[in-house]
Protein backbone atom coordinates (compact mmCIF):
# COMPACT_ATOMS: atom_id res chain seq x y z
CA MET A 1 17.80 -8.18 -10.04
CA SER A 2 18.65 -5.85 -12.90
CA ASN A 3 16.46 -5.26 -15.93
CA LYS A 4 16.98 -7.81 -18.70
CA ARG A 5 16.21 -7.03 -22.31
CA GLY A 6 12.80 -8.34 -23.25
CA GLN A 7 11.77 -9.32 -19.71
CA THR A 8 8.08 -9.24 -18.78
CA VAL A 9 6.93 -8.07 -15.34
CA LEU A 10 3.46 -8.98 -14.08
CA ILE A 11 1.56 -6.68 -11.72
CA THR A 12 -1.63 -8.17 -10.30
CA GLY A 13 -3.97 -5.38 -9.29
CA GLY A 14 -1.84 -3.29 -11.62
CA ALA A 15 -4.56 -0.77 -12.43
CA GLY A 16 -4.80 0.24 -8.77
CA PHE A 17 -3.01 2.78 -6.63
CA ILE A 18 0.35 1.11 -5.94
CA GLY A 19 0.21 -0.97 -9.13
CA SER A 20 -0.11 2.01 -11.47
CA ASN A 21 2.69 3.87 -9.71
CA LEU A 22 4.95 0.82 -10.00
CA ALA A 23 4.02 0.34 -13.66
CA GLU A 24 4.96 3.95 -14.39
CA ARG A 25 8.41 3.39 -12.86
CA LEU A 26 9.01 0.10 -14.67
CA LEU A 27 7.93 1.54 -18.01
CA GLN A 28 10.78 4.02 -17.81
CA ALA A 29 13.02 1.12 -18.85
CA ARG A 30 12.05 0.67 -22.50
CA GLU A 31 13.29 -2.92 -22.60
CA THR A 32 10.78 -3.95 -19.90
CA GLN A 33 7.33 -5.25 -20.85
CA VAL A 34 4.74 -4.56 -18.15
CA ARG A 35 1.71 -6.84 -17.93
CA ILE A 36 -1.18 -5.57 -15.82
CA PHE A 37 -3.67 -8.14 -14.52
CA ASP A 38 -6.75 -6.60 -12.92
CA ASN A 39 -10.49 -7.26 -12.59
CA PHE A 40 -11.24 -3.49 -12.65
CA SER A 41 -13.69 -3.80 -9.75
CA ARG A 42 -12.35 -0.68 -8.01
CA GLY A 43 -13.98 2.54 -9.14
CA GLY A 44 -11.75 4.89 -11.12
CA VAL A 45 -8.88 2.52 -11.85
CA SER A 46 -9.58 2.47 -15.58
CA ARG A 47 -8.35 6.07 -15.59
CA ASN A 48 -5.01 4.85 -14.23
CA VAL A 49 -4.64 2.50 -17.18
CA GLU A 50 -5.45 5.25 -19.67
CA TRP A 51 -2.83 7.41 -17.96
CA LEU A 52 -0.27 4.60 -18.24
CA LYS A 53 -0.99 4.04 -21.92
CA GLY A 54 0.31 7.53 -22.56
CA LYS A 55 3.66 6.51 -21.08
CA ALA A 56 3.96 2.95 -22.31
CA HIS A 57 5.86 3.12 -25.66
CA CYS A 58 3.93 -0.04 -26.67
CA ASN A 59 5.37 -1.91 -23.67
CA LEU A 60 2.13 -2.14 -21.70
CA GLU A 61 -0.11 -5.20 -21.83
CA VAL A 62 -3.47 -5.20 -20.02
CA MET A 63 -5.22 -8.43 -19.10
CA GLU A 64 -8.62 -8.33 -17.45
CA GLY A 65 -9.03 -11.21 -15.02
CA ASP A 66 -9.46 -12.27 -11.41
CA VAL A 67 -6.92 -13.93 -9.13
CA ARG A 68 -9.60 -16.41 -8.05
CA ASP A 69 -9.59 -17.80 -11.60
CA VAL A 70 -6.80 -20.39 -11.71
CA ASN A 71 -6.62 -20.58 -15.50
CA ALA A 72 -6.56 -16.81 -15.90
CA VAL A 73 -3.75 -16.54 -13.36
CA ARG A 74 -1.69 -19.23 -15.08
CA LYS A 75 -2.06 -17.42 -18.38
CA ALA A 76 -1.00 -14.13 -16.78
CA VAL A 77 2.11 -15.73 -15.26
CA GLU A 78 3.28 -17.29 -18.54
CA GLY A 79 6.70 -16.00 -19.54
CA VAL A 80 7.14 -13.47 -16.72
CA SER A 81 10.38 -13.00 -14.79
CA GLU A 82 8.91 -10.96 -11.93
CA ILE A 83 5.52 -10.80 -10.21
CA PHE A 84 4.32 -7.96 -8.01
CA HIS A 85 1.17 -9.26 -6.34
CA PHE A 86 -1.09 -6.41 -5.21
CA ALA A 87 -4.56 -7.73 -6.13
CA ALA A 88 -6.55 -7.90 -2.89
CA GLN A 89 -9.67 -7.21 -0.92
CA VAL A 90 -8.40 -4.27 1.13
CA ALA A 91 -11.13 -3.25 3.60
CA VAL A 92 -11.45 -4.51 7.18
CA THR A 93 -15.17 -3.71 7.37
CA LYS A 94 -15.82 -5.48 4.06
CA SER A 95 -14.02 -8.55 5.40
CA VAL A 96 -16.30 -8.60 8.44
CA GLU A 97 -19.39 -8.32 6.22
CA GLU A 98 -18.21 -10.91 3.67
CA PRO A 99 -15.46 -13.08 5.18
CA ALA A 100 -15.75 -15.82 2.54
CA LEU A 101 -15.21 -13.33 -0.28
CA ASP A 102 -12.30 -11.80 1.60
CA PHE A 103 -10.67 -15.21 2.07
CA GLN A 104 -11.16 -16.24 -1.55
CA ILE A 105 -9.50 -13.09 -2.89
CA ASN A 106 -6.69 -12.61 -0.38
CA ALA A 107 -5.75 -16.17 0.62
CA VAL A 108 -6.86 -18.34 -2.31
CA GLY A 109 -5.99 -15.67 -4.88
CA THR A 110 -2.47 -15.38 -3.50
CA PHE A 111 -2.07 -19.16 -3.47
CA ASN A 112 -3.11 -19.25 -7.13
CA VAL A 113 -0.41 -16.71 -8.01
CA LEU A 114 2.22 -18.58 -6.01
CA ASP A 115 1.34 -21.96 -7.46
CA ALA A 116 1.45 -20.61 -11.00
CA ALA A 117 4.88 -19.13 -10.23
CA ARG A 118 6.01 -22.46 -8.77
CA GLN A 119 5.05 -24.26 -11.95
CA SER A 120 6.67 -21.69 -14.22
CA LYS A 121 10.02 -22.62 -15.74
CA HIS A 122 11.19 -19.05 -15.08
CA LYS A 123 10.82 -19.29 -11.25
CA PRO A 124 9.90 -15.59 -11.12
CA PHE A 125 10.66 -13.19 -8.31
CA VAL A 126 7.45 -12.59 -6.32
CA LEU A 127 6.81 -9.54 -4.14
CA PHE A 128 3.66 -9.58 -2.00
CA THR A 129 2.17 -6.59 -0.20
CA SER A 130 0.99 -7.77 3.20
CA THR A 131 -0.22 -5.58 6.07
CA ASN A 132 0.57 -4.49 9.60
CA LYS A 133 -2.75 -6.11 10.55
CA VAL A 134 -0.92 -9.46 10.78
CA TYR A 135 0.34 -8.20 14.16
CA GLY A 136 -3.20 -7.87 15.51
CA ALA A 137 -4.17 -5.24 18.07
CA LEU A 138 -0.55 -5.04 19.34
CA ASP A 139 -1.33 -5.68 23.01
CA SER A 140 2.44 -5.97 23.46
CA VAL A 141 2.71 -2.21 22.86
CA PRO A 142 0.66 -0.56 25.65
CA VAL A 143 -0.19 3.08 24.99
CA ILE A 144 -1.24 6.16 26.89
CA PRO A 145 -3.04 9.26 25.58
CA GLU A 146 -0.96 12.39 25.19
CA GLY A 147 -2.50 15.49 23.66
CA THR A 148 -3.94 14.61 20.26
CA ARG A 149 -2.39 11.13 19.98
CA TYR A 150 -1.50 7.89 21.68
CA ARG A 151 2.11 7.22 22.53
CA ALA A 152 3.84 4.06 23.70
CA LYS A 153 4.28 3.67 27.45
CA ASP A 154 7.77 2.39 26.83
CA PRO A 155 9.99 5.44 26.24
CA ASP A 156 12.42 3.23 24.31
CA PHE A 157 9.82 2.11 21.76
CA ARG A 158 11.20 2.68 18.27
CA GLY A 159 8.58 0.89 16.19
CA VAL A 160 7.35 -2.61 15.40
CA ASN A 161 9.94 -4.91 13.88
CA GLU A 162 9.61 -8.23 12.08
CA ARG A 163 10.15 -10.22 15.29
CA GLU A 164 6.79 -9.05 16.66
CA ARG A 165 4.42 -11.95 17.39
CA LEU A 166 1.88 -12.63 14.65
CA ASP A 167 -1.70 -12.31 15.89
CA PHE A 168 -4.15 -12.26 12.99
CA HIS A 169 -7.23 -10.24 13.99
CA SER A 170 -10.35 -9.70 11.86
CA PRO A 171 -11.11 -11.73 8.73
CA TYR A 172 -8.94 -9.31 6.77
CA GLY A 173 -5.99 -9.89 9.10
CA CYS A 174 -6.51 -13.65 8.84
CA SER A 175 -6.72 -13.74 5.05
CA LYS A 176 -3.72 -11.46 4.51
CA GLY A 177 -1.80 -13.28 7.24
CA THR A 178 -2.48 -16.62 5.56
CA ALA A 179 -1.22 -15.24 2.26
CA ASP A 180 1.78 -13.65 3.99
CA GLN A 181 2.88 -17.02 5.40
CA TYR A 182 2.30 -18.89 2.13
CA VAL A 183 4.52 -16.40 0.29
CA ARG A 184 7.26 -16.82 2.87
CA ASP A 185 7.02 -20.60 2.84
CA PHE A 186 7.10 -20.93 -0.95
CA ALA A 187 10.60 -19.46 -0.72
CA ARG A 188 11.63 -22.07 1.85
CA ILE A 189 9.97 -25.11 0.30
CA TYR A 190 10.09 -24.41 -3.44
CA GLY A 191 12.99 -22.00 -3.71
CA LEU A 192 10.95 -19.15 -5.18
CA PRO A 193 12.65 -15.77 -4.68
CA THR A 194 9.83 -14.11 -2.72
CA VAL A 195 9.64 -10.97 -0.58
CA VAL A 196 6.88 -9.88 1.80
CA PHE A 197 6.28 -6.23 2.64
CA ARG A 198 4.15 -5.74 5.77
CA MET A 199 2.82 -2.30 4.99
CA SER A 200 1.69 0.52 7.20
CA CYS A 201 -0.21 3.53 5.78
CA ILE A 202 0.70 4.21 2.14
CA ALA A 203 -0.55 7.38 0.47
CA GLY A 204 0.03 9.45 -2.63
CA PRO A 205 -1.13 10.23 -6.16
CA ARG A 206 -3.48 7.91 -8.08
CA GLN A 207 -5.16 6.82 -4.84
CA PHE A 208 -8.94 6.61 -4.75
CA GLY A 209 -9.39 6.59 -0.98
CA ASN A 210 -12.45 5.66 1.04
CA GLU A 211 -13.22 5.54 4.74
CA ASP A 212 -11.84 2.01 5.15
CA GLN A 213 -8.78 2.17 2.90
CA GLY A 214 -6.59 5.01 1.75
CA TRP A 215 -7.67 7.19 4.66
CA VAL A 216 -5.31 10.12 4.04
CA ALA A 217 -6.58 10.61 0.48
CA HIS A 218 -10.15 10.02 1.63
CA PHE A 219 -9.83 12.74 4.28
CA LEU A 220 -8.36 15.24 1.84
CA TYR A 221 -10.91 14.56 -0.91
CA SER A 222 -13.76 14.76 1.61
CA ALA A 223 -12.54 18.10 2.94
CA LEU A 224 -12.17 19.52 -0.57
CA THR A 225 -15.69 18.42 -1.54
CA GLU A 226 -17.19 19.29 1.88
CA LYS A 227 -18.33 15.76 2.65
CA ARG A 228 -18.60 14.33 6.15
CA ILE A 229 -15.80 12.12 7.39
CA THR A 230 -16.40 9.08 9.59
CA ILE A 231 -13.87 8.54 12.37
CA PHE A 232 -13.59 4.99 13.71
CA GLY A 233 -12.74 5.32 17.40
CA ASP A 234 -11.53 8.51 19.11
CA GLY A 235 -9.18 9.80 16.40
CA MET A 236 -6.06 9.53 18.53
CA GLN A 237 -4.81 6.45 16.66
CA VAL A 238 -1.33 6.90 15.21
CA ARG A 239 0.03 5.60 11.91
CA ASP A 240 3.31 6.16 10.13
CA VAL A 241 2.52 7.43 6.65
CA LEU A 242 4.73 6.66 3.67
CA HIS A 243 4.66 8.20 0.19
CA VAL A 244 3.90 5.66 -2.53
CA HIS A 245 7.00 6.74 -4.46
CA ASP A 246 9.11 5.77 -1.43
CA VAL A 247 7.35 2.38 -1.54
CA ILE A 248 8.32 1.98 -5.19
CA ASP A 249 11.90 2.89 -4.30
CA ALA A 250 11.87 0.08 -1.71
CA MET A 251 10.52 -2.38 -4.28
CA MET A 252 13.29 -1.48 -6.69
CA ARG A 253 15.88 -2.07 -3.98
CA VAL A 254 14.65 -5.54 -2.97
CA ARG A 255 14.30 -6.73 -6.59
CA GLU A 256 17.89 -5.65 -7.25
CA ARG A 257 19.24 -7.59 -4.24
CA THR A 258 17.46 -10.95 -4.38
CA ASP A 259 20.70 -12.59 -3.22
CA ILE A 260 19.94 -11.00 0.16
CA THR A 261 16.19 -10.33 0.10
CA LYS A 262 14.74 -13.61 -1.20
CA GLY A 263 12.60 -15.31 1.42
CA GLN A 264 12.62 -12.21 3.62
CA VAL A 265 9.84 -10.25 5.34
CA TYR A 266 10.16 -6.49 5.80
CA ASN A 267 8.04 -3.99 7.71
CA LEU A 268 7.51 -0.91 5.56
CA GLY A 269 6.18 2.47 6.64
CA GLY A 270 7.18 6.04 7.29
CA GLY A 271 8.70 5.43 10.72
CA ALA A 272 8.56 7.74 13.72
CA GLN A 273 9.38 10.88 11.71
CA ARG A 274 6.23 10.40 9.59
CA ALA A 275 3.90 9.22 12.35
CA VAL A 276 0.68 11.20 12.70
CA SER A 277 -2.63 10.71 14.47
CA VAL A 278 -6.00 10.88 12.76
CA MET A 279 -6.78 14.13 14.59
CA GLU A 280 -3.44 15.65 13.62
CA MET A 281 -3.95 14.74 9.96
CA LEU A 282 -7.39 16.34 10.00
CA GLU A 283 -5.91 19.51 11.49
CA ALA A 284 -3.20 19.60 8.80
CA ILE A 285 -5.83 19.17 6.08
CA GLU A 286 -7.95 21.98 7.51
CA LYS A 287 -4.95 24.31 7.49
CA ALA A 288 -3.97 23.28 3.98
CA THR A 289 -7.43 23.61 2.43
CA GLY A 290 -8.92 26.39 4.54
CA LYS A 291 -11.99 24.21 5.02
CA THR A 292 -13.53 22.95 8.26
CA VAL A 293 -14.03 19.20 8.21
CA ARG A 294 -17.33 17.73 9.36
CA LEU A 295 -17.11 14.54 11.37
CA ASN A 296 -19.16 11.52 12.33
CA TYR A 297 -17.90 9.02 14.90
CA HIS A 298 -18.27 5.26 14.74
CA ALA A 299 -17.13 2.35 16.90
CA VAL A 300 -13.51 1.29 16.47
CA ARG A 301 -12.95 -1.38 13.83
CA PRO A 302 -12.04 -4.97 14.86
CA GLY A 303 -8.35 -5.35 15.65
CA ASP A 304 -7.57 -1.68 15.14
CA GLN A 305 -4.19 -0.74 16.54
CA PRO A 306 -4.14 2.43 18.66
CA LEU A 307 -0.54 3.00 17.61
CA TYR A 308 1.46 1.51 14.77
CA ILE A 309 4.90 2.73 13.77
CA SER A 310 7.13 0.62 11.52
CA ASP A 311 10.67 -0.22 12.44
CA THR A 312 12.21 -0.31 8.95
CA SER A 313 15.79 -0.83 10.11
CA LYS A 314 16.03 -4.35 8.60
CA LEU A 315 15.08 -3.09 5.13
CA GLU A 316 17.39 -0.10 5.48
CA ARG A 317 20.30 -2.23 6.65
CA GLN A 318 19.95 -4.90 3.98
CA THR A 319 19.19 -2.69 0.96
CA GLY A 320 20.25 0.87 1.80
CA TRP A 321 16.69 2.14 1.30
CA ARG A 322 15.58 5.31 3.11
CA PRO A 323 12.27 7.22 2.92
CA ARG A 324 12.77 10.64 1.33
CA ARG A 325 9.35 12.35 1.22
CA ASN A 326 7.53 13.88 4.20
CA VAL A 327 3.83 14.11 5.07
CA SER A 328 3.53 17.59 3.53
CA ALA A 329 4.80 16.22 0.21
CA ILE A 330 2.26 13.40 0.44
CA LEU A 331 -0.65 15.81 0.89
CA LYS A 332 0.62 18.05 -1.89
CA ASP A 333 0.93 15.18 -4.36
CA ILE A 334 -2.50 13.74 -3.52
CA TYR A 335 -3.98 17.19 -3.98
CA GLU A 336 -2.27 17.68 -7.34
CA PHE A 337 -3.67 14.36 -8.52
CA TRP A 338 -7.17 15.36 -7.38
CA ARG A 339 -6.86 18.76 -9.04
CA GLU A 340 -5.73 17.31 -12.36
CA SER A 341 -8.39 14.58 -12.24
CA ASN A 342 -11.08 17.20 -11.77
CA GLY A 343 -9.74 19.66 -14.32
CA LEU A 344 -9.00 22.37 -11.75
CA ALA A 345 -5.94 23.85 -13.36
CA ASP A 346 -5.98 27.06 -11.33
CA ALA A 347 -6.68 25.60 -7.88
CA ARG A 348 -3.91 25.64 -5.30
CA MET A 349 -3.52 24.93 -1.61
CA VAL A 350 -1.05 25.54 1.19
CA VAL A 351 0.79 22.57 2.65
CA GLY A 352 3.43 22.47 5.35
CA ARG A 353 4.65 24.82 8.04
CA GLY A 354 4.75 28.20 6.36
CA THR A 355 5.59 26.70 2.96
CA ALA A 356 3.23 28.34 0.47
CA ILE A 357 2.16 26.11 -2.40
CA GLY A 358 -0.75 28.38 -3.29
CA GLU A 359 -4.29 28.57 -2.00
CA VAL A 360 -7.36 26.55 -2.76
CA ALA A 361 -9.59 28.51 -5.10
């Protein structure tokens, strides 16, 4: 799907981490109008909007609203040709504490967006960011400890693909899984050109991480400010980490090839080459910052996967997408965002094996 003069693109949750990075990319095409729809409940996201306004060339529209509000959603969808639906409740622990709230935002909110798109005369493209949590605890991938991480018992394991059995686990997994399936089915039943991304760990600039979401940024910020970090479980859990700019690249590819991608589900993550355990990430952050992290340990979260690595071969095969940025680049870019946000123009740190990027002041 190429840019059309005068088209309007809606980003729900557009003031957030992925939303603001996508908006920046879209605004590079001056003929594209970007409409952000956000309830601004996440701390710090207003700064993302102010940052975007400096890049917008009058092509940025900001609507404050909530996806649980049917009328507000219908108004936001009016006249748009594409919808990127990121608005969500994103924390597993929050979903356990308030499952009704989690369901209303993730499941009902997504249905509201889909139904507004269904009723629109434009039949907009809809991309939904789902989660690897729809695969549950992944009992089908037995693991064994090895050094500072878990590895799959099966030596031929190359990652989780889209044929893996769905097994929603935790209220968060159930609400996102419900939304995931609605998005897929609206393509089959109503002919909407939809795409689902089942995401692994996404990290990068403009991320305001906490201990339950955005863990890479949260670890780095905590180390830099000498705050304790809570580890859920033993710290040997493995995730494949993907730079947010690689995510945006993938989104651009699927929107350009809706002839192939409509109605499809894709697993999206960094793959085996960008897989890292919690302990290994902490070690890398200590080396980069020169600071010793202080840890607390807590019970593992419901449905936590000891090892998750995305098999992205379907996305790569159908669109030609490839990840381009490594974990060192991710840490560097998160750090630069933190430094600029805190006005630390002279601070630097070292990231990567022997690659000097400066030192933390």
